[in-house]
Amino acid sequence: MIAWTEGGGTKSARWRSEAGLPAYEQLVVVDDRLSVDAAWKLAGGGTAMLWRGDWQNARHLLQGLSRRADRQPRSGSQKKPATPAEAFEQHRQNQGRRAQALGLLLVPLGGDYSIPLRRAQDVRQACIEAYGPPSGEDSLVSLRELLAVVSAHEWRKKGVPVPAVEGRIYPHYGVFSPVRGEYVDLVAKAPLPANCDLAFDIGTGSGIIAAILARRGVKQIVATDMDERALACASENVEKLGLTAAIRLVKTDLFPEGRAKLVVCNPPWLPAQVGWPRTSRPMARAG
C-alpha cells in the first residue's frame, strides 16, 4: 500500500510496481500547474508526484522530464572513466538514475483499471494483460510503467513480423520483444550441427528462437523458461505458427533433462555487478 495526504486527510491505495520497487514515502499531489523545472526539483529530492490534472498534460510533463534527464552532465561533474568497464558501469548508473527520476510521476488507476483523469485513454485491456483481472482496488502506478504496459499491449495486438519464422511473433508484457534483428539473423543463418534432431532453447521468452529452429528443420526443440508470462507468450506464438509438434515448452531453471547437439540461449539481461538485488541491477529487465 501507499499513503499520502490530500484534501486535509490521509488516503491510501494499492501500490503497483512490476519491478518490485517499494512504495514511495514522500508523495505530493500535483496537477497541470506543475512545471518541468519544479517537477525535476521534486524528483531530485526523491519526492513522488501523484498527478491529478489532465492525462495528456501528464504525458507532456513526462516527456519534458525525459528531455531534462537526457541532458549531458556538466563538465567535471562526473569522473572520466579509465576503462571500458568503468565507462559501462557509469553509463548504467546514469540510466538507473534516469529511470528512478522518471518513475516518480504517478497516476491513479480505478478498481477496474480506468484512469480517473481528464482526457484519459482506455487502458483497461492493457492492464488486464499485464496485471491480471481487476481486483476492484484503487491503485497508483508510475506513468512510465503504465505507458510501457500500453505499448506492450499494442505489440501483442499487432505482432512483430519476423520473416525467419514465416509469420509474426506476439510478445506479452514483461517478455522481450524481438525487435533487434542481429540475433534473429544469427540463429536463422548460422550452420547447424549435422543430424541435429534435438535442440534446447534456454530462456525462450517469446519462443522466437525455438520457432526459427523449427522452421530450419530441427525436428524437436525443448524450450525452457522460469517465467510464467514467458511460457504463456511462447505457447501462444508456437500455436499460432503451427509448430506445436516440434516445440515442447518446459518450466525449469535453465536446462531440461537429457542432452542435445545444439543449445541456444539469448539472456534477457546481464548484471553490471554480481550481488546486486535483481530490481536494482542496471540491466534488469524492464518488465
C-alpha atoms as a PDB file:
ATOM      1  CA  MET A   1       0.000   0.000   0.000  1.00  0.00           C
ATOM      2  CA  ILE A   2       0.977   3.627  -0.495  1.00  0.00           C
ATOM      3  CA  ALA A   3      -0.337   6.506   1.624  1.00  0.00           C
ATOM      4  CA  TRP A   4      -0.419  10.270   1.129  1.00  0.00           C
ATOM      5  CA  THR A   5      -2.103  13.424   2.362  1.00  0.00           C
ATOM      6  CA  GLU A   6      -4.770  15.043   0.176  1.00  0.00           C
ATOM      7  CA  GLY A   7      -7.670  17.362   0.894  1.00  0.00           C
ATOM      8  CA  GLY A   8      -6.784  17.594   4.552  1.00  0.00           C
ATOM      9  CA  GLY A   9      -6.904  13.846   5.132  1.00  0.00           C
ATOM     10  CA  THR A  10      -4.857  10.701   4.682  1.00  0.00           C
ATOM     11  CA  LYS A  11      -5.563   8.486   1.691  1.00  0.00           C
ATOM     12  CA  SER A  12      -4.161   5.147   0.627  1.00  0.00           C
ATOM     13  CA  ALA A  13      -4.230   2.828  -2.367  1.00  0.00           C
ATOM     14  CA  ARG A  14      -2.567  -0.277  -3.651  1.00  0.00           C
ATOM     15  CA  TRP A  15       0.940   0.330  -4.967  1.00  0.00           C
ATOM     16  CA  ARG A  16       1.835  -1.247  -8.312  1.00  0.00           C
ATOM     17  CA  SER A  17       5.410  -1.811  -9.434  1.00  0.00           C
ATOM     18  CA  GLU A  18       6.343  -4.629 -11.770  1.00  0.00           C
ATOM     19  CA  ALA A  19       9.994  -4.000 -10.872  1.00  0.00           C
ATOM     20  CA  GLY A  20       9.176  -4.679  -7.236  1.00  0.00           C
ATOM     21  CA  LEU A  21      10.074  -1.177  -6.092  1.00  0.00           C
ATOM     22  CA  PRO A  22       8.828  -0.235  -2.620  1.00  0.00           C
ATOM     23  CA  ALA A  23       6.082   2.356  -2.212  1.00  0.00           C
ATOM     24  CA  TYR A  24       7.375   5.904  -2.009  1.00  0.00           C
ATOM     25  CA  GLU A  25       7.371   7.513   1.416  1.00  0.00           C
ATOM     26  CA  GLN A  26       7.425  11.105   0.142  1.00  0.00           C
ATOM     27  CA  LEU A  27       4.471  11.906  -2.113  1.00  0.00           C
ATOM     28  CA  VAL A  28       2.802  15.181  -3.083  1.00  0.00           C
ATOM     29  CA  VAL A  29      -0.334  15.790  -5.142  1.00  0.00           C
ATOM     30  CA  VAL A  30       0.268  17.829  -8.309  1.00  0.00           C
ATOM     31  CA  ASP A  31      -1.685  18.996 -11.352  1.00  0.00           C
ATOM     32  CA  ASP A  32      -1.384  20.971 -14.595  1.00  0.00           C
ATOM     33  CA  ARG A  33       0.222  23.909 -12.812  1.00  0.00           C
ATOM     34  CA  LEU A  34       3.415  21.940 -12.173  1.00  0.00           C
ATOM     35  CA  SER A  35       6.290  22.967 -14.443  1.00  0.00           C
ATOM     36  CA  VAL A  36       9.075  20.714 -15.681  1.00  0.00           C
ATOM     37  CA  ASP A  37      11.581  22.652 -13.563  1.00  0.00           C
ATOM     38  CA  ALA A  38       9.517  22.209 -10.407  1.00  0.00           C
ATOM     39  CA  ALA A  39       8.899  18.530 -11.157  1.00  0.00           C
ATOM     40  CA  TRP A  40      12.600  17.938 -11.768  1.00  0.00           C
ATOM     41  CA  LYS A  41      13.431  19.567  -8.454  1.00  0.00           C
ATOM     42  CA  LEU A  42      10.946  17.321  -6.644  1.00  0.00           C
ATOM     43  CA  ALA A  43      12.316  14.254  -8.417  1.00  0.00           C
ATOM     44  CA  GLY A  44      15.845  15.256  -7.466  1.00  0.00           C
ATOM     45  CA  GLY A  45      14.792  15.141  -3.835  1.00  0.00           C
ATOM     46  CA  GLY A  46      13.200  11.715  -4.220  1.00  0.00           C
ATOM     47  CA  THR A  47       9.631  13.019  -3.916  1.00  0.00           C
ATOM     48  CA  ALA A  48       6.952  11.169  -5.876  1.00  0.00           C
ATOM     49  CA  MET A  49       4.238  13.188  -7.611  1.00  0.00           C
ATOM     50  CA  LEU A  50       0.629  11.987  -7.812  1.00  0.00           C
ATOM     51  CA  TRP A  51      -0.937  13.520 -10.901  1.00  0.00           C
ATOM     52  CA  ARG A  52      -4.475  14.922 -10.631  1.00  0.00           C
ATOM     53  CA  GLY A  53      -4.502  17.023 -13.786  1.00  0.00           C
ATOM     54  CA  ASP A  54      -5.132  16.310 -17.463  1.00  0.00           C
ATOM     55  CA  TRP A  55      -3.912  12.946 -18.773  1.00  0.00           C
ATOM     56  CA  GLN A  56      -2.334  14.366 -21.900  1.00  0.00           C
ATOM     57  CA  ASN A  57      -0.558  17.027 -19.868  1.00  0.00           C
ATOM     58  CA  ALA A  58       0.883  14.297 -17.659  1.00  0.00           C
ATOM     59  CA  ARG A  59       2.390  12.687 -20.742  1.00  0.00           C
ATOM     60  CA  HIS A  60       3.793  16.034 -21.868  1.00  0.00           C
ATOM     61  CA  LEU A  61       5.336  16.545 -18.428  1.00  0.00           C
ATOM     62  CA  LEU A  62       6.963  13.112 -18.562  1.00  0.00           C
ATOM     63  CA  GLN A  63       8.405  13.956 -21.977  1.00  0.00           C
ATOM     64  CA  GLY A  64       9.806  17.177 -20.553  1.00  0.00           C
ATOM     65  CA  LEU A  65      11.360  15.303 -17.641  1.00  0.00           C
ATOM     66  CA  SER A  66      12.845  12.811 -20.079  1.00  0.00           C
ATOM     67  CA  ARG A  67      14.496  15.591 -22.076  1.00  0.00           C
ATOM     68  CA  ARG A  68      15.851  17.091 -18.866  1.00  0.00           C
ATOM     69  CA  ALA A  69      17.245  13.728 -17.786  1.00  0.00           C
ATOM     70  CA  ASP A  70      18.970  13.292 -21.154  1.00  0.00           C
ATOM     71  CA  ARG A  71      20.969  16.489 -20.862  1.00  0.00           C
ATOM     72  CA  GLN A  72      24.706  15.940 -20.749  1.00  0.00           C
ATOM     73  CA  PRO A  73      26.203  16.180 -17.231  1.00  0.00           C
ATOM     74  CA  ARG A  74      28.113  19.367 -16.523  1.00  0.00           C
ATOM     75  CA  SER A  75      31.821  19.183 -17.303  1.00  0.00           C
ATOM     76  CA  GLY A  76      33.670  17.864 -14.276  1.00  0.00           C
ATOM     77  CA  SER A  77      30.522  16.619 -12.524  1.00  0.00           C
ATOM     78  CA  GLN A  78      31.494  13.021 -13.239  1.00  0.00           C
ATOM     79  CA  LYS A  79      34.869  11.336 -13.128  1.00  0.00           C
ATOM     80  CA  LYS A  80      36.083  10.325 -16.568  1.00  0.00           C
ATOM     81  CA  PRO A  81      36.138   6.516 -16.721  1.00  0.00           C
ATOM     82  CA  ALA A  82      39.583   4.997 -17.114  1.00  0.00           C
ATOM     83  CA  THR A  83      38.494   1.660 -18.566  1.00  0.00           C
ATOM     84  CA  PRO A  84      35.641   0.334 -20.716  1.00  0.00           C
ATOM     85  CA  ALA A  85      34.314  -1.496 -17.647  1.00  0.00           C
ATOM     86  CA  GLU A  86      34.175   1.753 -15.670  1.00  0.00           C
ATOM     87  CA  ALA A  87      32.511   3.500 -18.623  1.00  0.00           C
ATOM     88  CA  PHE A  88      29.908   0.739 -18.805  1.00  0.00           C
ATOM     89  CA  GLU A  89      29.183   0.897 -15.082  1.00  0.00           C
ATOM     90  CA  GLN A  90      28.941   4.708 -15.146  1.00  0.00           C
ATOM     91  CA  HIS A  91      26.551   4.573 -18.106  1.00  0.00           C
ATOM     92  CA  ARG A  92      24.299   2.045 -16.384  1.00  0.00           C
ATOM     93  CA  GLN A  93      24.320   4.065 -13.167  1.00  0.00           C
ATOM     94  CA  ASN A  94      23.238   7.129 -15.142  1.00  0.00           C
ATOM     95  CA  GLN A  95      20.494   5.090 -16.783  1.00  0.00           C
ATOM     96  CA  GLY A  96      19.387   3.859 -13.382  1.00  0.00           C
ATOM     97  CA  ARG A  97      19.175   7.401 -12.009  1.00  0.00           C
ATOM     98  CA  ARG A  98      17.245   8.464 -15.104  1.00  0.00           C
ATOM     99  CA  ALA A  99      14.724   5.651 -14.677  1.00  0.00           C
ATOM    100  CA  GLN A 100      14.349   6.443 -10.985  1.00  0.00           C
ATOM    101  CA  ALA A 101      13.625  10.120 -11.653  1.00  0.00           C
ATOM    102  CA  LEU A 102      11.128   9.428 -14.448  1.00  0.00           C
ATOM    103  CA  GLY A 103       9.382   6.800 -12.333  1.00  0.00           C
ATOM    104  CA  LEU A 104       8.394   9.374  -9.704  1.00  0.00           C
ATOM    105  CA  LEU A 105       5.437  10.701 -11.714  1.00  0.00           C
ATOM    106  CA  LEU A 106       2.455   8.605 -10.621  1.00  0.00           C
ATOM    107  CA  VAL A 107      -1.103   8.282 -11.907  1.00  0.00           C
ATOM    108  CA  PRO A 108      -4.205   6.729 -10.305  1.00  0.00           C
ATOM    109  CA  LEU A 109      -5.990   3.627 -11.540  1.00  0.00           C
ATOM    110  CA  GLY A 110      -9.567   2.809 -10.598  1.00  0.00           C
ATOM    111  CA  GLY A 111     -10.653  -0.601  -9.390  1.00  0.00           C
ATOM    112  CA  ASP A 112     -11.486  -1.562 -12.988  1.00  0.00           C
ATOM    113  CA  TYR A 113      -8.191  -0.132 -14.350  1.00  0.00           C
ATOM    114  CA  SER A 114      -9.859   3.022 -15.625  1.00  0.00           C
ATOM    115  CA  ILE A 115      -7.897   6.272 -15.275  1.00  0.00           C
ATOM    116  CA  PRO A 116      -9.879   8.948 -13.373  1.00  0.00           C
ATOM    117  CA  LEU A 117      -8.248  11.871 -15.185  1.00  0.00           C
ATOM    118  CA  ARG A 118      -9.459  14.269 -17.875  1.00  0.00           C
ATOM    119  CA  ARG A 119      -8.909  13.064 -21.459  1.00  0.00           C
ATOM    120  CA  ALA A 120      -7.589   9.730 -20.201  1.00  0.00           C
ATOM    121  CA  GLN A 121      -7.244   6.884 -22.675  1.00  0.00           C
ATOM    122  CA  ASP A 122      -8.764   3.466 -22.099  1.00  0.00           C
ATOM    123  CA  VAL A 123      -6.017   1.234 -20.714  1.00  0.00           C
ATOM    124  CA  ARG A 124      -8.225  -1.439 -19.180  1.00  0.00           C
ATOM    125  CA  GLN A 125      -7.422  -4.286 -21.566  1.00  0.00           C
ATOM    126  CA  ALA A 126      -3.723  -3.460 -21.495  1.00  0.00           C
ATOM    127  CA  CYS A 127      -3.750  -3.602 -17.690  1.00  0.00           C
ATOM    128  CA  ILE A 128      -5.639  -6.894 -17.647  1.00  0.00           C
ATOM    129  CA  GLU A 129      -2.948  -8.401 -19.875  1.00  0.00           C
ATOM    130  CA  ALA A 130      -0.174  -7.077 -17.628  1.00  0.00           C
ATOM    131  CA  TYR A 131      -1.667  -7.263 -14.135  1.00  0.00           C
ATOM    132  CA  GLY A 132      -4.432  -9.833 -14.425  1.00  0.00           C
ATOM    133  CA  PRO A 133      -8.180  -9.400 -13.771  1.00  0.00           C
ATOM    134  CA  PRO A 134      -9.127  -6.222 -11.871  1.00  0.00           C
ATOM    135  CA  SER A 135      -9.472  -6.656  -8.120  1.00  0.00           C
ATOM    136  CA  GLY A 136     -11.704  -3.656  -7.504  1.00  0.00           C
ATOM    137  CA  GLU A 137      -8.944  -1.864  -5.578  1.00  0.00           C
ATOM    138  CA  ASP A 138      -7.851   1.644  -6.452  1.00  0.00           C
ATOM    139  CA  SER A 139      -4.121   1.795  -7.113  1.00  0.00           C
ATOM    140  CA  LEU A 140      -1.240   4.070  -8.041  1.00  0.00           C
ATOM    141  CA  VAL A 141       1.337   3.295 -10.696  1.00  0.00           C
ATOM    142  CA  SER A 142       4.239   5.077 -12.322  1.00  0.00           C
ATOM    143  CA  LEU A 143       3.117   6.775 -15.533  1.00  0.00           C
ATOM    144  CA  ARG A 144       6.257   5.440 -17.177  1.00  0.00           C
ATOM    145  CA  GLU A 145       5.320   1.869 -16.272  1.00  0.00           C
ATOM    146  CA  LEU A 146       1.728   2.366 -17.394  1.00  0.00           C
ATOM    147  CA  LEU A 147       2.856   3.661 -20.789  1.00  0.00           C
ATOM    148  CA  ALA A 148       5.071   0.579 -21.113  1.00  0.00           C
ATOM    149  CA  VAL A 149       2.016  -1.568 -20.360  1.00  0.00           C
ATOM    150  CA  VAL A 150       0.077   0.202 -23.126  1.00  0.00           C
ATOM    151  CA  SER A 151       2.982  -0.148 -25.556  1.00  0.00           C
ATOM    152  CA  ALA A 152       3.240  -3.870 -24.809  1.00  0.00           C
ATOM    153  CA  HIS A 153      -0.490  -4.219 -25.461  1.00  0.00           C
ATOM    154  CA  GLU A 154      -0.031  -2.719 -28.931  1.00  0.00           C
ATOM    155  CA  TRP A 155       2.879  -5.063 -29.681  1.00  0.00           C
ATOM    156  CA  ARG A 156       0.764  -8.002 -28.560  1.00  0.00           C
ATOM    157  CA  LYS A 157      -2.206  -6.895 -30.617  1.00  0.00           C
ATOM    158  CA  LYS A 158      -0.334  -6.220 -33.868  1.00  0.00           C
ATOM    159  CA  GLY A 159       2.578  -8.614 -33.555  1.00  0.00           C
ATOM    160  CA  VAL A 160       6.112  -8.239 -34.882  1.00  0.00           C
ATOM    161  CA  PRO A 161       6.712  -9.569 -38.408  1.00  0.00           C
ATOM    162  CA  VAL A 162       9.655 -11.987 -38.440  1.00  0.00           C
ATOM    163  CA  PRO A 163      10.457 -13.433 -41.887  1.00  0.00           C
ATOM    164  CA  ALA A 164      12.602 -16.191 -40.348  1.00  0.00           C
ATOM    165  CA  VAL A 165       9.527 -17.746 -38.712  1.00  0.00           C
ATOM    166  CA  GLU A 166       7.300 -17.077 -41.732  1.00  0.00           C
ATOM    167  CA  GLY A 167       4.865 -15.140 -39.601  1.00  0.00           C
ATOM    168  CA  ARG A 168       4.551 -12.818 -36.629  1.00  0.00           C
ATOM    169  CA  ILE A 169       5.637 -13.019 -33.010  1.00  0.00           C
ATOM    170  CA  TYR A 170       3.206 -11.606 -30.437  1.00  0.00           C
ATOM    171  CA  PRO A 171       5.154 -10.521 -27.332  1.00  0.00           C
ATOM    172  CA  HIS A 172       3.386 -10.174 -23.995  1.00  0.00           C
ATOM    173  CA  TYR A 173       4.070  -7.584 -21.323  1.00  0.00           C
ATOM    174  CA  GLY A 174       7.257  -8.414 -19.436  1.00  0.00           C
ATOM    175  CA  VAL A 175       8.591 -10.589 -22.271  1.00  0.00           C
ATOM    176  CA  PHE A 176      11.393  -9.372 -24.517  1.00  0.00           C
ATOM    177  CA  SER A 177      10.153  -8.121 -27.899  1.00  0.00           C
ATOM    178  CA  PRO A 178      12.090  -9.435 -30.938  1.00  0.00           C
ATOM    179  CA  VAL A 179      12.844  -6.001 -32.373  1.00  0.00           C
ATOM    180  CA  ARG A 180      16.626  -6.478 -32.709  1.00  0.00           C
ATOM    181  CA  GLY A 181      17.485  -8.330 -35.881  1.00  0.00           C
ATOM    182  CA  GLU A 182      21.093  -9.357 -35.272  1.00  0.00           C
ATOM    183  CA  TYR A 183      20.408 -12.332 -33.017  1.00  0.00           C
ATOM    184  CA  VAL A 184      17.426 -13.378 -35.132  1.00  0.00           C
ATOM    185  CA  ASP A 185      19.620 -13.378 -38.252  1.00  0.00           C
ATOM    186  CA  LEU A 186      22.353 -15.264 -36.410  1.00  0.00           C
ATOM    187  CA  VAL A 187      20.017 -18.093 -35.411  1.00  0.00           C
ATOM    188  CA  ALA A 188      18.459 -18.111 -38.876  1.00  0.00           C
ATOM    189  CA  LYS A 189      21.773 -18.301 -40.773  1.00  0.00           C
ATOM    190  CA  ALA A 190      24.370 -19.980 -38.539  1.00  0.00           C
ATOM    191  CA  PRO A 191      25.324 -23.527 -39.629  1.00  0.00           C
ATOM    192  CA  LEU A 192      23.548 -26.242 -37.672  1.00  0.00           C
ATOM    193  CA  PRO A 193      25.288 -29.378 -36.362  1.00  0.00           C
ATOM    194  CA  ALA A 194      24.978 -32.404 -38.611  1.00  0.00           C
ATOM    195  CA  ASN A 195      21.918 -34.553 -37.930  1.00  0.00           C
ATOM    196  CA  CYS A 196      20.583 -32.041 -35.417  1.00  0.00           C
ATOM    197  CA  ASP A 197      17.303 -33.612 -34.375  1.00  0.00           C
ATOM    198  CA  LEU A 198      17.133 -32.092 -30.889  1.00  0.00           C
ATOM    199  CA  ALA A 199      17.901 -28.583 -29.641  1.00  0.00           C
ATOM    200  CA  PHE A 200      17.482 -26.750 -26.336  1.00  0.00           C
ATOM    201  CA  ASP A 201      16.319 -23.121 -26.265  1.00  0.00           C
ATOM    202  CA  ILE A 202      17.230 -21.817 -22.803  1.00  0.00           C
ATOM    203  CA  GLY A 203      15.183 -18.854 -21.595  1.00  0.00           C
ATOM    204  CA  THR A 204      12.823 -18.988 -24.548  1.00  0.00           C
ATOM    205  CA  GLY A 205      10.909 -15.769 -23.802  1.00  0.00           C
ATOM    206  CA  SER A 206       8.556 -15.197 -26.723  1.00  0.00           C
ATOM    207  CA  GLY A 207       9.601 -18.505 -28.300  1.00  0.00           C
ATOM    208  CA  ILE A 208      11.175 -16.859 -31.324  1.00  0.00           C
ATOM    209  CA  ILE A 209      14.452 -18.815 -31.289  1.00  0.00           C
ATOM    210  CA  ALA A 210      12.661 -22.138 -30.931  1.00  0.00           C
ATOM    211  CA  ALA A 211      10.372 -21.163 -33.810  1.00  0.00           C
ATOM    212  CA  ILE A 212      13.324 -20.276 -36.053  1.00  0.00           C
ATOM    213  CA  LEU A 213      15.000 -23.604 -35.325  1.00  0.00           C
ATOM    214  CA  ALA A 214      11.768 -25.439 -36.101  1.00  0.00           C
ATOM    215  CA  ARG A 215      11.453 -23.597 -39.407  1.00  0.00           C
ATOM    216  CA  ARG A 216      15.033 -24.604 -40.195  1.00  0.00           C
ATOM    217  CA  GLY A 217      14.140 -28.254 -39.845  1.00  0.00           C
ATOM    218  CA  VAL A 218      15.189 -29.180 -36.314  1.00  0.00           C
ATOM    219  CA  LYS A 219      12.693 -31.917 -35.502  1.00  0.00           C
ATOM    220  CA  GLN A 220      12.370 -31.331 -31.760  1.00  0.00           C
ATOM    221  CA  ILE A 221      13.114 -28.245 -29.668  1.00  0.00           C
ATOM    222  CA  VAL A 222      12.768 -28.159 -25.898  1.00  0.00           C
ATOM    223  CA  ALA A 223      12.231 -24.533 -24.896  1.00  0.00           C
ATOM    224  CA  THR A 224      12.647 -23.669 -21.219  1.00  0.00           C
ATOM    225  CA  ASP A 225      11.843 -20.691 -19.026  1.00  0.00           C
ATOM    226  CA  MET A 226      11.100 -19.948 -15.379  1.00  0.00           C
ATOM    227  CA  ASP A 227       8.702 -17.073 -16.017  1.00  0.00           C
ATOM    228  CA  GLU A 228       5.000 -17.895 -16.341  1.00  0.00           C
ATOM    229  CA  ARG A 229       4.426 -14.908 -18.620  1.00  0.00           C
ATOM    230  CA  ALA A 230       7.163 -16.048 -20.960  1.00  0.00           C
ATOM    231  CA  LEU A 231       5.802 -19.581 -21.128  1.00  0.00           C
ATOM    232  CA  ALA A 232       2.283 -18.296 -21.828  1.00  0.00           C
ATOM    233  CA  CYS A 233       3.645 -15.984 -24.514  1.00  0.00           C
ATOM    234  CA  ALA A 234       5.748 -18.702 -26.135  1.00  0.00           C
ATOM    235  CA  SER A 235       2.824 -21.134 -26.049  1.00  0.00           C
ATOM    236  CA  GLU A 236       0.593 -18.654 -27.869  1.00  0.00           C
ATOM    237  CA  ASN A 237       3.225 -17.964 -30.528  1.00  0.00           C
ATOM    238  CA  VAL A 238       4.050 -21.624 -31.075  1.00  0.00           C
ATOM    239  CA  GLU A 239       0.361 -22.409 -31.528  1.00  0.00           C
ATOM    240  CA  LYS A 240      -0.246 -19.504 -33.927  1.00  0.00           C
ATOM    241  CA  LEU A 241       2.755 -20.564 -36.024  1.00  0.00           C
ATOM    242  CA  GLY A 242       1.546 -24.174 -36.147  1.00  0.00           C
ATOM    243  CA  LEU A 243       4.700 -25.542 -34.510  1.00  0.00           C
ATOM    244  CA  THR A 244       3.273 -27.400 -31.519  1.00  0.00           C
ATOM    245  CA  ALA A 245       4.505 -30.750 -32.870  1.00  0.00           C
ATOM    246  CA  ALA A 246       8.109 -29.539 -32.963  1.00  0.00           C
ATOM    247  CA  ILE A 247       8.375 -27.359 -29.848  1.00  0.00           C
ATOM    248  CA  ARG A 248       7.890 -28.520 -26.273  1.00  0.00           C
ATOM    249  CA  LEU A 249       7.759 -25.898 -23.530  1.00  0.00           C
ATOM    250  CA  VAL A 250       9.152 -26.768 -20.103  1.00  0.00           C
ATOM    251  CA  LYS A 251       9.172 -24.715 -16.924  1.00  0.00           C
ATOM    252  CA  THR A 252      12.596 -25.281 -15.418  1.00  0.00           C
ATOM    253  CA  ASP A 253      15.700 -23.445 -14.281  1.00  0.00           C
ATOM    254  CA  LEU A 254      17.983 -23.362 -17.320  1.00  0.00           C
ATOM    255  CA  PHE A 255      18.492 -26.874 -18.708  1.00  0.00           C
ATOM    256  CA  PRO A 256      15.926 -29.636 -19.224  1.00  0.00           C
ATOM    257  CA  GLU A 257      16.766 -33.296 -18.748  1.00  0.00           C
ATOM    258  CA  GLY A 258      18.920 -35.028 -21.328  1.00  0.00           C
ATOM    259  CA  ARG A 259      21.417 -33.750 -23.873  1.00  0.00           C
ATOM    260  CA  ALA A 260      21.141 -32.017 -27.221  1.00  0.00           C
ATOM    261  CA  LYS A 261      23.554 -31.332 -30.058  1.00  0.00           C
ATOM    262  CA  LEU A 262      22.535 -27.686 -30.077  1.00  0.00           C
ATOM    263  CA  VAL A 263      21.940 -25.379 -27.120  1.00  0.00           C
ATOM    264  CA  VAL A 264      20.887 -21.785 -27.796  1.00  0.00           C
ATOM    265  CA  CYS A 265      20.412 -19.044 -25.212  1.00  0.00           C
ATOM    266  CA  ASN A 266      19.675 -15.334 -25.557  1.00  0.00           C
ATOM    267  CA  PRO A 267      19.901 -13.958 -21.975  1.00  0.00           C
ATOM    268  CA  PRO A 268      17.252 -11.315 -21.188  1.00  0.00           C
ATOM    269  CA  TRP A 269      19.605  -9.241 -19.018  1.00  0.00           C
ATOM    270  CA  LEU A 270      23.122  -9.127 -17.607  1.00  0.00           C
ATOM    271  CA  PRO A 271      24.049  -7.748 -14.193  1.00  0.00           C
ATOM    272  CA  ALA A 272      26.596  -4.941 -14.119  1.00  0.00           C
ATOM    273  CA  GLN A 273      27.824  -6.112 -10.731  1.00  0.00           C
ATOM    274  CA  VAL A 274      27.447  -9.511  -9.110  1.00  0.00           C
ATOM    275  CA  GLY A 275      25.465  -9.498  -5.894  1.00  0.00           C
ATOM    276  CA  TRP A 276      23.144  -6.575  -6.666  1.00  0.00           C
ATOM    277  CA  PRO A 277      19.460  -7.163  -5.968  1.00  0.00           C
ATOM    278  CA  ARG A 278      17.741  -8.012  -9.237  1.00  0.00           C
ATOM    279  CA  THR A 279      15.441  -4.995  -9.148  1.00  0.00           C
ATOM    280  CA  SER A 280      18.366  -2.596  -8.730  1.00  0.00           C
ATOM    281  CA  ARG A 281      20.670  -4.089 -11.304  1.00  0.00           C
ATOM    282  CA  PRO A 282      21.272  -1.539 -14.058  1.00  0.00           C
ATOM    283  CA  MET A 283      20.424  -4.037 -16.785  1.00  0.00           C
ATOM    284  CA  ALA A 284      17.499  -5.690 -15.062  1.00  0.00           C
ATOM    285  CA  ARG A 285      14.615  -6.441 -17.367  1.00  0.00           C
ATOM    286  CA  ALA A 286      12.284  -3.617 -17.670  1.00  0.00           C
ATOM    287  CA  GLY A 287       9.245  -5.549 -17.315  1.00  0.00           C
END
